[in-house]
Amino acid sequence: MYPVINPDRETVRQNGPRIRSNGAPAFCLTVVDRHGVIHHGRVRRLVPQECFRLMGFEDSQFFKLQNELHLSDAKLYKLAGNSIIVPILADIMTNIKQVNAKYGIVTERN
């Protein structure tokens, strides 16, 4: 599988390639772009659940939004595109905590 962005807009300017190599990091999910993967020679659009997985959410969190709140696919795509990548945020916060501990910076409120 190869990550693809905006396969239907070849004439629109874009920084970088529209198709990445197999195993390369996927494109950043956005609300305005169309994302997909090339699978068996065809471009397949990502389903909302795959978008949430790319952003680091668990399937149970996705199904809660989809089933309990009855959100449409369009709304789910928007939520995924407006999200942050959870594992990366957790890693950044861990590094900040380690640096603060190294230099004796107190960040907790008493």
PDB file of N, CA and C in Angstrom:
ATOM      1  N   MET A   1       0.836  -1.180   0.000  1.00  0.00           N
ATOM      2  CA  MET A   1       0.000   0.000   0.000  1.00  0.00           C
ATOM      3  C   MET A   1       0.879   1.241   0.000  1.00  0.00           C
ATOM      4  N   TYR A   2       0.421   2.263  -0.696  1.00  0.00           N
ATOM      5  CA  TYR A   2       1.156   3.505  -0.806  1.00  0.00           C
ATOM      6  C   TYR A   2       0.233   4.668  -0.419  1.00  0.00           C
ATOM      7  N   PRO A   3       0.650   5.545   0.511  1.00  0.00           N
ATOM      8  CA  PRO A   3      -0.186   6.700   0.850  1.00  0.00           C
ATOM      9  C   PRO A   3      -0.326   7.659  -0.336  1.00  0.00           C
ATOM     10  N   VAL A   4      -1.531   8.175  -0.545  1.00  0.00           N
ATOM     11  CA  VAL A   4      -1.829   9.083  -1.653  1.00  0.00           C
ATOM     12  C   VAL A   4      -2.589  10.286  -1.112  1.00  0.00           C
ATOM     13  N   ILE A   5      -2.301  11.464  -1.668  1.00  0.00           N
ATOM     14  CA  ILE A   5      -3.061  12.660  -1.309  1.00  0.00           C
ATOM     15  C   ILE A   5      -3.571  13.320  -2.590  1.00  0.00           C
ATOM     16  N   ASN A   6      -4.815  13.708  -2.576  1.00  0.00           N
ATOM     17  CA  ASN A   6      -5.464  14.409  -3.696  1.00  0.00           C
ATOM     18  C   ASN A   6      -5.197  13.761  -5.054  1.00  0.00           C
ATOM     19  N   PRO A   7      -5.572  12.506  -5.226  1.00  0.00           N
ATOM     20  CA  PRO A   7      -5.297  11.846  -6.509  1.00  0.00           C
ATOM     21  C   PRO A   7      -6.084  12.448  -7.663  1.00  0.00           C
ATOM     22  N   ASP A   8      -7.175  13.119  -7.373  1.00  0.00           N
ATOM     23  CA  ASP A   8      -8.022  13.663  -8.430  1.00  0.00           C
ATOM     24  C   ASP A   8      -7.669  15.093  -8.813  1.00  0.00           C
ATOM     25  N   ARG A   9      -6.655  15.680  -8.157  1.00  0.00           N
ATOM     26  CA  ARG A   9      -6.312  17.084  -8.437  1.00  0.00           C
ATOM     27  C   ARG A   9      -4.858  17.199  -8.881  1.00  0.00           C
ATOM     28  N   GLU A  10      -4.533  16.609  -9.996  1.00  0.00           N
ATOM     29  CA  GLU A  10      -3.155  16.595 -10.474  1.00  0.00           C
ATOM     30  C   GLU A  10      -2.666  17.971 -10.902  1.00  0.00           C
ATOM     31  N   THR A  11      -3.572  18.877 -11.254  1.00  0.00           N
ATOM     32  CA  THR A  11      -3.160  20.198 -11.722  1.00  0.00           C
ATOM     33  C   THR A  11      -2.966  21.191 -10.581  1.00  0.00           C
ATOM     34  N   VAL A  12      -3.391  20.847  -9.366  1.00  0.00           N
ATOM     35  CA  VAL A  12      -3.243  21.744  -8.221  1.00  0.00           C
ATOM     36  C   VAL A  12      -1.821  21.642  -7.698  1.00  0.00           C
ATOM     37  N   ARG A  13      -1.208  22.816  -7.423  1.00  0.00           N
ATOM     38  CA  ARG A  13       0.164  22.811  -6.911  1.00  0.00           C
ATOM     39  C   ARG A  13       0.210  22.218  -5.518  1.00  0.00           C
ATOM     40  N   GLN A  14       1.268  21.513  -5.252  1.00  0.00           N
ATOM     41  CA  GLN A  14       1.454  20.897  -3.952  1.00  0.00           C
ATOM     42  C   GLN A  14       2.945  20.763  -3.686  1.00  0.00           C
ATOM     43  N   ASN A  15       3.350  20.968  -2.451  1.00  0.00           N
ATOM     44  CA  ASN A  15       4.749  20.761  -2.087  1.00  0.00           C
ATOM     45  C   ASN A  15       4.974  19.272  -1.867  1.00  0.00           C
ATOM     46  N   GLY A  16       5.855  18.697  -2.623  1.00  0.00           N
ATOM     47  CA  GLY A  16       6.177  17.290  -2.453  1.00  0.00           C
ATOM     48  C   GLY A  16       5.329  16.380  -3.322  1.00  0.00           C
ATOM     49  N   PRO A  17       5.621  15.083  -3.242  1.00  0.00           N
ATOM     50  CA  PRO A  17       4.931  14.112  -4.094  1.00  0.00           C
ATOM     51  C   PRO A  17       3.505  13.828  -3.616  1.00  0.00           C
ATOM     52  N   ARG A  18       2.668  13.387  -4.535  1.00  0.00           N
ATOM     53  CA  ARG A  18       1.295  13.000  -4.197  1.00  0.00           C
ATOM     54  C   ARG A  18       1.224  11.554  -3.722  1.00  0.00           C
ATOM     55  N   ILE A  19       2.210  10.743  -4.102  1.00  0.00           N
ATOM     56  CA  ILE A  19       2.247   9.335  -3.717  1.00  0.00           C
ATOM     57  C   ILE A  19       3.571   9.082  -3.008  1.00  0.00           C
ATOM     58  N   ARG A  20       3.502   8.458  -1.861  1.00  0.00           N
ATOM     59  CA  ARG A  20       4.723   8.127  -1.108  1.00  0.00           C
ATOM     60  C   ARG A  20       5.025   6.647  -1.279  1.00  0.00           C
ATOM     61  N   SER A  21       6.250   6.290  -0.971  1.00  0.00           N
ATOM     62  CA  SER A  21       6.661   4.893  -1.130  1.00  0.00           C
ATOM     63  C   SER A  21       6.045   4.020  -0.040  1.00  0.00           C
ATOM     64  N   ASN A  22       6.015   2.727  -0.306  1.00  0.00           N
ATOM     65  CA  ASN A  22       5.450   1.775   0.647  1.00  0.00           C
ATOM     66  C   ASN A  22       6.260   1.811   1.943  1.00  0.00           C
ATOM     67  N   GLY A  23       5.573   1.945   3.057  1.00  0.00           N
ATOM     68  CA  GLY A  23       6.230   1.998   4.354  1.00  0.00           C
ATOM     69  C   GLY A  23       6.626   3.396   4.785  1.00  0.00           C
ATOM     70  N   ALA A  24       6.498   4.378   3.902  1.00  0.00           N
ATOM     71  CA  ALA A  24       6.824   5.762   4.261  1.00  0.00           C
ATOM     72  C   ALA A  24       5.716   6.326   5.149  1.00  0.00           C
ATOM     73  N   PRO A  25       6.021   7.349   5.947  1.00  0.00           N
ATOM     74  CA  PRO A  25       4.974   7.960   6.772  1.00  0.00           C
ATOM     75  C   PRO A  25       3.840   8.493   5.908  1.00  0.00           C
ATOM     76  N   ALA A  26       2.629   8.383   6.420  1.00  0.00           N
ATOM     77  CA  ALA A  26       1.455   8.872   5.691  1.00  0.00           C
ATOM     78  C   ALA A  26       1.425  10.392   5.729  1.00  0.00           C
ATOM     79  N   PHE A  27       0.623  10.968   4.860  1.00  0.00           N
ATOM     80  CA  PHE A  27       0.433  12.410   4.850  1.00  0.00           C
ATOM     81  C   PHE A  27      -0.327  12.837   6.097  1.00  0.00           C
ATOM     82  N   CYS A  28      -0.128  14.073   6.496  1.00  0.00           N
ATOM     83  CA  CYS A  28      -0.891  14.633   7.607  1.00  0.00           C
ATOM     84  C   CYS A  28      -2.356  14.721   7.184  1.00  0.00           C
ATOM     85  N   LEU A  29      -3.254  14.230   8.025  1.00  0.00           N
ATOM     86  CA  LEU A  29      -4.678  14.284   7.697  1.00  0.00           C
ATOM     87  C   LEU A  29      -5.172  15.706   7.814  1.00  0.00           C
ATOM     88  N   THR A  30      -5.893  16.158   6.811  1.00  0.00           N
ATOM     89  CA  THR A  30      -6.482  17.487   6.834  1.00  0.00           C
ATOM     90  C   THR A  30      -7.931  17.400   6.406  1.00  0.00           C
ATOM     91  N   VAL A  31      -8.666  18.449   6.678  1.00  0.00           N
ATOM     92  CA  VAL A  31     -10.075  18.488   6.315  1.00  0.00           C
ATOM     93  C   VAL A  31     -10.249  18.726   4.822  1.00  0.00           C
ATOM     94  N   VAL A  32      -9.371  19.514   4.205  1.00  0.00           N
ATOM     95  CA  VAL A  32      -9.575  19.920   2.811  1.00  0.00           C
ATOM     96  C   VAL A  32      -9.026  18.931   1.783  1.00  0.00           C
ATOM     97  N   ASP A  33      -8.078  18.096   2.157  1.00  0.00           N
ATOM     98  CA  ASP A  33      -7.470  17.170   1.205  1.00  0.00           C
ATOM     99  C   ASP A  33      -8.195  15.831   1.198  1.00  0.00           C
ATOM    100  N   ARG A  34      -8.083  15.124   0.067  1.00  0.00           N
ATOM    101  CA  ARG A  34      -8.594  13.756  -0.029  1.00  0.00           C
ATOM    102  C   ARG A  34      -7.423  12.815   0.189  1.00  0.00           C
ATOM    103  N   HIS A  35      -7.594  11.882   1.088  1.00  0.00           N
ATOM    104  CA  HIS A  35      -6.537  10.940   1.417  1.00  0.00           C
ATOM    105  C   HIS A  35      -6.951   9.542   0.988  1.00  0.00           C
ATOM    106  N   GLY A  36      -5.968   8.744   0.619  1.00  0.00           N
ATOM    107  CA  GLY A  36      -6.252   7.372   0.237  1.00  0.00           C
ATOM    108  C   GLY A  36      -4.981   6.564   0.195  1.00  0.00           C
ATOM    109  N   VAL A  37      -5.128   5.338  -0.225  1.00  0.00           N
ATOM    110  CA  VAL A  37      -3.976   4.457  -0.396  1.00  0.00           C
ATOM    111  C   VAL A  37      -4.113   3.766  -1.743  1.00  0.00           C
ATOM    112  N   ILE A  38      -2.976   3.487  -2.366  1.00  0.00           N
ATOM    113  CA  ILE A  38      -2.994   2.686  -3.584  1.00  0.00           C
ATOM    114  C   ILE A  38      -2.888   1.237  -3.143  1.00  0.00           C
ATOM    115  N   HIS A  39      -3.888   0.466  -3.504  1.00  0.00           N
ATOM    116  CA  HIS A  39      -3.951  -0.940  -3.106  1.00  0.00           C
ATOM    117  C   HIS A  39      -4.338  -1.752  -4.337  1.00  0.00           C
ATOM    118  N   HIS A  40      -3.472  -2.647  -4.766  1.00  0.00           N
ATOM    119  CA  HIS A  40      -3.693  -3.460  -5.976  1.00  0.00           C
ATOM    120  C   HIS A  40      -3.942  -2.575  -7.192  1.00  0.00           C
ATOM    121  N   GLY A  41      -3.181  -1.476  -7.305  1.00  0.00           N
ATOM    122  CA  GLY A  41      -3.243  -0.616  -8.472  1.00  0.00           C
ATOM    123  C   GLY A  41      -4.403   0.374  -8.503  1.00  0.00           C
ATOM    124  N   ARG A  42      -5.232   0.399  -7.474  1.00  0.00           N
ATOM    125  CA  ARG A  42      -6.366   1.327  -7.429  1.00  0.00           C
ATOM    126  C   ARG A  42      -6.244   2.225  -6.202  1.00  0.00           C
ATOM    127  N   VAL A  43      -6.707   3.465  -6.319  1.00  0.00           N
ATOM    128  CA  VAL A  43      -6.721   4.380  -5.182  1.00  0.00           C
ATOM    129  C   VAL A  43      -7.981   4.099  -4.378  1.00  0.00           C
ATOM    130  N   ARG A  44      -7.790   3.806  -3.112  1.00  0.00           N
ATOM    131  CA  ARG A  44      -8.904   3.545  -2.216  1.00  0.00           C
ATOM    132  C   ARG A  44      -8.930   4.623  -1.144  1.00  0.00           C
ATOM    133  N   ARG A  45     -10.062   5.232  -0.948  1.00  0.00           N
ATOM    134  CA  ARG A  45     -10.207   6.273   0.062  1.00  0.00           C
ATOM    135  C   ARG A  45     -10.157   5.643   1.448  1.00  0.00           C
ATOM    136  N   LEU A  46      -9.528   6.337   2.382  1.00  0.00           N
ATOM    137  CA  LEU A  46      -9.499   5.858   3.752  1.00  0.00           C
ATOM    138  C   LEU A  46     -10.891   5.988   4.364  1.00  0.00           C
ATOM    139  N   VAL A  47     -11.285   4.996   5.141  1.00  0.00           N
ATOM    140  CA  VAL A  47     -12.557   5.083   5.853  1.00  0.00           C
ATOM    141  C   VAL A  47     -12.297   5.845   7.161  1.00  0.00           C
ATOM    142  N   PRO A  48     -13.325   6.429   7.770  1.00  0.00           N
ATOM    143  CA  PRO A  48     -13.107   7.215   8.991  1.00  0.00           C
ATOM    144  C   PRO A  48     -12.348   6.458  10.081  1.00  0.00           C
ATOM    145  N   GLN A  49     -12.634   5.172  10.252  1.00  0.00           N
ATOM    146  CA  GLN A  49     -11.946   4.397  11.278  1.00  0.00           C
ATOM    147  C   GLN A  49     -10.441   4.365  11.036  1.00  0.00           C
ATOM    148  N   GLU A  50     -10.010   4.237   9.783  1.00  0.00           N
ATOM    149  CA  GLU A  50      -8.581   4.236   9.459  1.00  0.00           C
ATOM    150  C   GLU A  50      -7.954   5.593   9.775  1.00  0.00           C
ATOM    151  N   CYS A  51      -8.699   6.669   9.523  1.00  0.00           N
ATOM    152  CA  CYS A  51      -8.197   8.009   9.839  1.00  0.00           C
ATOM    153  C   CYS A  51      -7.961   8.155  11.335  1.00  0.00           C
ATOM    154  N   PHE A  52      -8.891   7.657  12.133  1.00  0.00           N
ATOM    155  CA  PHE A  52      -8.734   7.736  13.587  1.00  0.00           C
ATOM    156  C   PHE A  52      -7.558   6.884  14.049  1.00  0.00           C
ATOM    157  N   ARG A  53      -7.372   5.728  13.442  1.00  0.00           N
ATOM    158  CA  ARG A  53      -6.224   4.889  13.796  1.00  0.00           C
ATOM    159  C   ARG A  53      -4.915   5.607  13.497  1.00  0.00           C
ATOM    160  N   LEU A  54      -4.835   6.292  12.345  1.00  0.00           N
ATOM    161  CA  LEU A  54      -3.628   7.036  11.997  1.00  0.00           C
ATOM    162  C   LEU A  54      -3.329   8.133  13.017  1.00  0.00           C
ATOM    163  N   MET A  55      -4.370   8.675  13.619  1.00  0.00           N
ATOM    164  CA  MET A  55      -4.198   9.749  14.599  1.00  0.00           C
ATOM    165  C   MET A  55      -3.923   9.204  16.002  1.00  0.00           C
ATOM    166  N   GLY A  56      -3.892   7.873  16.161  1.00  0.00           N
ATOM    167  CA  GLY A  56      -3.521   7.265  17.432  1.00  0.00           C
ATOM    168  C   GLY A  56      -4.681   6.923  18.343  1.00  0.00           C
ATOM    169  N   PHE A  57      -5.901   7.005  17.849  1.00  0.00           N
ATOM    170  CA  PHE A  57      -7.055   6.662  18.662  1.00  0.00           C
ATOM    171  C   PHE A  57      -7.338   5.167  18.573  1.00  0.00           C
ATOM    172  N   GLU A  58      -7.958   4.641  19.612  1.00  0.00           N
ATOM    173  CA  GLU A  58      -8.322   3.234  19.621  1.00  0.00           C
ATOM    174  C   GLU A  58      -9.691   3.049  18.979  1.00  0.00           C
ATOM    175  N   ASP A  59      -9.943   1.840  18.502  1.00  0.00           N
ATOM    176  CA  ASP A  59     -11.218   1.567  17.849  1.00  0.00           C
ATOM    177  C   ASP A  59     -12.405   1.824  18.771  1.00  0.00           C
ATOM    178  N   SER A  60     -12.249   1.536  20.056  1.00  0.00           N
ATOM    179  CA  SER A  60     -13.360   1.766  20.993  1.00  0.00           C
ATOM    180  C   SER A  60     -13.737   3.241  21.059  1.00  0.00           C
ATOM    181  N   GLN A  61     -12.744   4.130  20.969  1.00  0.00           N
ATOM    182  CA  GLN A  61     -13.023   5.563  20.972  1.00  0.00           C
ATOM    183  C   GLN A  61     -13.749   5.966  19.694  1.00  0.00           C
ATOM    184  N   PHE A  62     -13.330   5.386  18.581  1.00  0.00           N
ATOM    185  CA  PHE A  62     -13.989   5.678  17.309  1.00  0.00           C
ATOM    186  C   PHE A  62     -15.446   5.212  17.333  1.00  0.00           C
ATOM    187  N   PHE A  63     -15.671   3.979  17.790  1.00  0.00           N
ATOM    188  CA  PHE A  63     -17.031   3.434  17.789  1.00  0.00           C
ATOM    189  C   PHE A  63     -17.951   4.202  18.733  1.00  0.00           C
ATOM    190  N   LYS A  64     -17.387   4.760  19.803  1.00  0.00           N
ATOM    191  CA  LYS A  64     -18.211   5.582  20.693  1.00  0.00           C
ATOM    192  C   LYS A  64     -18.727   6.811  19.953  1.00  0.00           C
ATOM    193  N   LEU A  65     -17.868   7.461  19.187  1.00  0.00           N
ATOM    194  CA  LEU A  65     -18.295   8.618  18.395  1.00  0.00           C
ATOM    195  C   LEU A  65     -19.302   8.218  17.328  1.00  0.00           C
ATOM    196  N   GLN A  66     -19.008   7.121  16.660  1.00  0.00           N
ATOM    197  CA  GLN A  66     -19.856   6.718  15.546  1.00  0.00           C
ATOM    198  C   GLN A  66     -21.214   6.201  16.011  1.00  0.00           C
ATOM    199  N   ASN A  67     -21.225   5.342  17.002  1.00  0.00           N
ATOM    200  CA  ASN A  67     -22.458   4.662  17.390  1.00  0.00           C
ATOM    201  C   ASN A  67     -23.260   5.388  18.463  1.00  0.00           C
ATOM    202  N   GLU A  68     -22.600   5.852  19.509  1.00  0.00           N
ATOM    203  CA  GLU A  68     -23.330   6.488  20.601  1.00  0.00           C
ATOM    204  C   GLU A  68     -23.756   7.908  20.263  1.00  0.00           C
ATOM    205  N   LEU A  69     -22.901   8.631  19.543  1.00  0.00           N
ATOM    206  CA  LEU A  69     -23.235  10.014  19.190  1.00  0.00           C
ATOM    207  C   LEU A  69     -23.857  10.115  17.798  1.00  0.00           C
ATOM    208  N   HIS A  70     -23.860   8.997  17.064  1.00  0.00           N
ATOM    209  CA  HIS A  70     -24.477   8.927  15.738  1.00  0.00           C
ATOM    210  C   HIS A  70     -23.938  10.008  14.789  1.00  0.00           C
ATOM    211  N   LEU A  71     -22.596  10.142  14.754  1.00  0.00           N
ATOM    212  CA  LEU A  71     -21.982  11.130  13.873  1.00  0.00           C
ATOM    213  C   LEU A  71     -21.854  10.568  12.464  1.00  0.00           C
ATOM    214  N   SER A  72     -22.059  11.412  11.483  1.00  0.00           N
ATOM    215  CA  SER A  72     -21.936  11.000  10.084  1.00  0.00           C
ATOM    216  C   SER A  72     -20.470  10.807   9.721  1.00  0.00           C
ATOM    217  N   ASP A  73     -20.221  10.140   8.602  1.00  0.00           N
ATOM    218  CA  ASP A  73     -18.850   9.963   8.122  1.00  0.00           C
ATOM    219  C   ASP A  73     -18.184  11.313   7.866  1.00  0.00           C
ATOM    220  N   ALA A  74     -18.935  12.258   7.308  1.00  0.00           N
ATOM    221  CA  ALA A  74     -18.367  13.588   7.028  1.00  0.00           C
ATOM    222  C   ALA A  74     -17.873  14.234   8.316  1.00  0.00           C
ATOM    223  N   LYS A  75     -18.654  14.143   9.373  1.00  0.00           N
ATOM    224  CA  LYS A  75     -18.261  14.728  10.660  1.00  0.00           C
ATOM    225  C   LYS A  75     -17.063  13.973  11.248  1.00  0.00           C
ATOM    226  N   LEU A  76     -17.043  12.659  11.088  1.00  0.00           N
ATOM    227  CA  LEU A  76     -15.920  11.863  11.596  1.00  0.00           C
ATOM    228  C   LEU A  76     -14.627  12.208  10.861  1.00  0.00           C
ATOM    229  N   TYR A  77     -14.705  12.401   9.536  1.00  0.00           N
ATOM    230  CA  TYR A  77     -13.521  12.819   8.784  1.00  0.00           C
ATOM    231  C   TYR A  77     -13.023  14.172   9.300  1.00  0.00           C
ATOM    232  N   LYS A  78     -13.928  15.089   9.553  1.00  0.00           N
ATOM    233  CA  LYS A  78     -13.533  16.411  10.061  1.00  0.00           C
ATOM    234  C   LYS A  78     -12.868  16.304  11.419  1.00  0.00           C
ATOM    235  N   LEU A  79     -13.444  15.493  12.306  1.00  0.00           N
ATOM    236  CA  LEU A  79     -12.858  15.323  13.635  1.00  0.00           C
ATOM    237  C   LEU A  79     -11.449  14.744  13.556  1.00  0.00           C
ATOM    238  N   ALA A  80     -11.260  13.751  12.694  1.00  0.00           N
ATOM    239  CA  ALA A  80      -9.923  13.160  12.538  1.00  0.00           C
ATOM    240  C   ALA A  80      -8.949  14.181  11.975  1.00  0.00           C
ATOM    241  N   GLY A  81      -9.390  14.966  11.004  1.00  0.00           N
ATOM    242  CA  GLY A  81      -8.525  15.968  10.386  1.00  0.00           C
ATOM    243  C   GLY A  81      -8.177  17.117  11.311  1.00  0.00           C
ATOM    244  N   ASN A  82      -9.028  17.372  12.286  1.00  0.00           N
ATOM    245  CA  ASN A  82      -8.781  18.468  13.235  1.00  0.00           C
ATOM    246  C   ASN A  82      -8.119  17.986  14.514  1.00  0.00           C
ATOM    247  N   SER A  83      -7.742  16.730  14.564  1.00  0.00           N
ATOM    248  CA  SER A  83      -7.155  16.146  15.765  1.00  0.00           C
ATOM    249  C   SER A  83      -5.636  16.328  15.770  1.00  0.00           C
ATOM    250  N   ILE A  84      -5.050  15.938  16.879  1.00  0.00           N
ATOM    251  CA  ILE A  84      -3.601  15.843  16.969  1.00  0.00           C
ATOM    252  C   ILE A  84      -3.251  14.369  17.081  1.00  0.00           C
ATOM    253  N   ILE A  85      -2.030  14.012  16.769  1.00  0.00           N
ATOM    254  CA  ILE A  85      -1.623  12.618  16.842  1.00  0.00           C
ATOM    255  C   ILE A  85      -1.287  12.303  18.295  1.00  0.00           C
ATOM    256  N   VAL A  86      -2.138  11.505  18.911  1.00  0.00           N
ATOM    257  CA  VAL A  86      -2.079  11.255  20.350  1.00  0.00           C
ATOM    258  C   VAL A  86      -0.732  10.689  20.803  1.00  0.00           C
ATOM    259  N   PRO A  87      -0.168   9.649  20.168  1.00  0.00           N
ATOM    260  CA  PRO A  87       1.121   9.126  20.634  1.00  0.00           C
ATOM    261  C   PRO A  87       2.248  10.160  20.550  1.00  0.00           C
ATOM    262  N   ILE A  88       2.210  11.025  19.549  1.00  0.00           N
ATOM    263  CA  ILE A  88       3.252  12.044  19.427  1.00  0.00           C
ATOM    264  C   ILE A  88       3.108  13.076  20.545  1.00  0.00           C
ATOM    265  N   LEU A  89       1.884  13.487  20.847  1.00  0.00           N
ATOM    266  CA  LEU A  89       1.663  14.419  21.955  1.00  0.00           C
ATOM    267  C   LEU A  89       2.145  13.812  23.267  1.00  0.00           C
ATOM    268  N   ALA A  90       1.838  12.543  23.506  1.00  0.00           N
ATOM    269  CA  ALA A  90       2.284  11.877  24.734  1.00  0.00           C
ATOM    270  C   ALA A  90       3.808  11.852  24.811  1.00  0.00           C
ATOM    271  N   ASP A  91       4.483  11.603  23.682  1.00  0.00           N
ATOM    272  CA  ASP A  91       5.943  11.579  23.652  1.00  0.00           C
ATOM    273  C   ASP A  91       6.524  12.967  23.925  1.00  0.00           C
ATOM    274  N   ILE A  92       5.924  13.997  23.349  1.00  0.00           N
ATOM    275  CA  ILE A  92       6.386  15.373  23.590  1.00  0.00           C
ATOM    276  C   ILE A  92       6.242  15.727  25.060  1.00  0.00           C
ATOM    277  N   MET A  93       5.103  15.392  25.653  1.00  0.00           N
ATOM    278  CA  MET A  93       4.874  15.713  27.068  1.00  0.00           C
ATOM    279  C   MET A  93       5.855  14.959  27.970  1.00  0.00           C
ATOM    280  N   THR A  94       6.163  13.709  27.628  1.00  0.00           N
ATOM    281  CA  THR A  94       7.135  12.934  28.404  1.00  0.00           C
ATOM    282  C   THR A  94       8.510  13.596  28.335  1.00  0.00           C
ATOM    283  N   ASN A  95       8.916  14.045  27.142  1.00  0.00           N
ATOM    284  CA  ASN A  95      10.218  14.709  26.990  1.00  0.00           C
ATOM    285  C   ASN A  95      10.266  16.022  27.761  1.00  0.00           C
ATOM    286  N   ILE A  96       9.193  16.789  27.742  1.00  0.00           N
ATOM    287  CA  ILE A  96       9.145  18.044  28.504  1.00  0.00           C
ATOM    288  C   ILE A  96       9.282  17.759  29.990  1.00  0.00           C
ATOM    289  N   LYS A  97       8.602  16.731  30.467  1.00  0.00           N
ATOM    290  CA  LYS A  97       8.674  16.359  31.885  1.00  0.00           C
ATOM    291  C   LYS A  97      10.100  15.956  32.269  1.00  0.00           C
ATOM    292  N   GLN A  98      10.792  15.210  31.394  1.00  0.00           N
ATOM    293  CA  GLN A  98      12.164  14.791  31.667  1.00  0.00           C
ATOM    294  C   GLN A  98      13.111  15.992  31.710  1.00  0.00           C
ATOM    295  N   VAL A  99      12.946  16.930  30.792  1.00  0.00           N
ATOM    296  CA  VAL A  99      13.792  18.126  30.774  1.00  0.00           C
ATOM    297  C   VAL A  99      13.535  18.964  32.025  1.00  0.00           C
ATOM    298  N   ASN A 100      12.270  19.120  32.389  1.00  0.00           N
ATOM    299  CA  ASN A 100      11.947  19.881  33.601  1.00  0.00           C
ATOM    300  C   ASN A 100      12.547  19.231  34.836  1.00  0.00           C
ATOM    301  N   ALA A 101      12.487  17.907  34.913  1.00  0.00           N
ATOM    302  CA  ALA A 101      13.067  17.200  36.058  1.00  0.00           C
ATOM    303  C   ALA A 101      14.586  17.367  36.077  1.00  0.00           C
ATOM    304  N   LYS A 102      15.214  17.345  34.911  1.00  0.00           N
ATOM    305  CA  LYS A 102      16.664  17.491  34.815  1.00  0.00           C
ATOM    306  C   LYS A 102      17.127  18.848  35.350  1.00  0.00           C
ATOM    307  N   TYR A 103      16.357  19.896  35.056  1.00  0.00           N
ATOM    308  CA  TYR A 103      16.746  21.240  35.462  1.00  0.00           C
ATOM    309  C   TYR A 103      16.019  21.722  36.720  1.00  0.00           C
ATOM    310  N   GLY A 104      15.280  20.830  37.372  1.00  0.00           N
ATOM    311  CA  GLY A 104      14.620  21.181  38.617  1.00  0.00           C
ATOM    312  C   GLY A 104      13.477  22.167  38.466  1.00  0.00           C
ATOM    313  N   ILE A 105      12.835  22.168  37.334  1.00  0.00           N
ATOM    314  CA  ILE A 105      11.707  23.068  37.104  1.00  0.00           C
ATOM    315  C   ILE A 105      10.446  22.402  37.617  1.00  0.00           C
ATOM    316  N   VAL A 106       9.751  23.115  38.482  1.00  0.00           N
ATOM    317  CA  VAL A 106       8.506  22.592  39.050  1.00  0.00           C
ATOM    318  C   VAL A 106       7.360  23.005  38.165  1.00  0.00           C
ATOM    319  N   THR A 107       6.566  22.042  37.691  1.00  0.00           N
ATOM    320  CA  THR A 107       5.444  22.358  36.811  1.00  0.00           C
ATOM    321  C   THR A 107       4.093  22.025  37.444  1.00  0.00           C
ATOM    322  N   GLU A 108       4.102  21.299  38.547  1.00  0.00           N
ATOM    323  CA  GLU A 108       2.837  20.931  39.195  1.00  0.00           C
ATOM    324  C   GLU A 108       2.410  22.040  40.136  1.00  0.00           C
ATOM    325  N   ARG A 109       1.107  22.207  40.208  1.00  0.00           N
ATOM    326  CA  ARG A 109       0.549  23.197  41.142  1.00  0.00           C
ATOM    327  C   ARG A 109       0.366  22.559  42.507  1.00  0.00           C
ATOM    328  N   ASN A 110       0.589  23.342  43.541  1.00  0.00           N
ATOM    329  CA  ASN A 110       0.415  22.814  44.911  1.00  0.00           C
ATOM    330  C   ASN A 110      -1.007  23.004  45.368  1.00  0.00           C
TER     331      ASN A 110
END
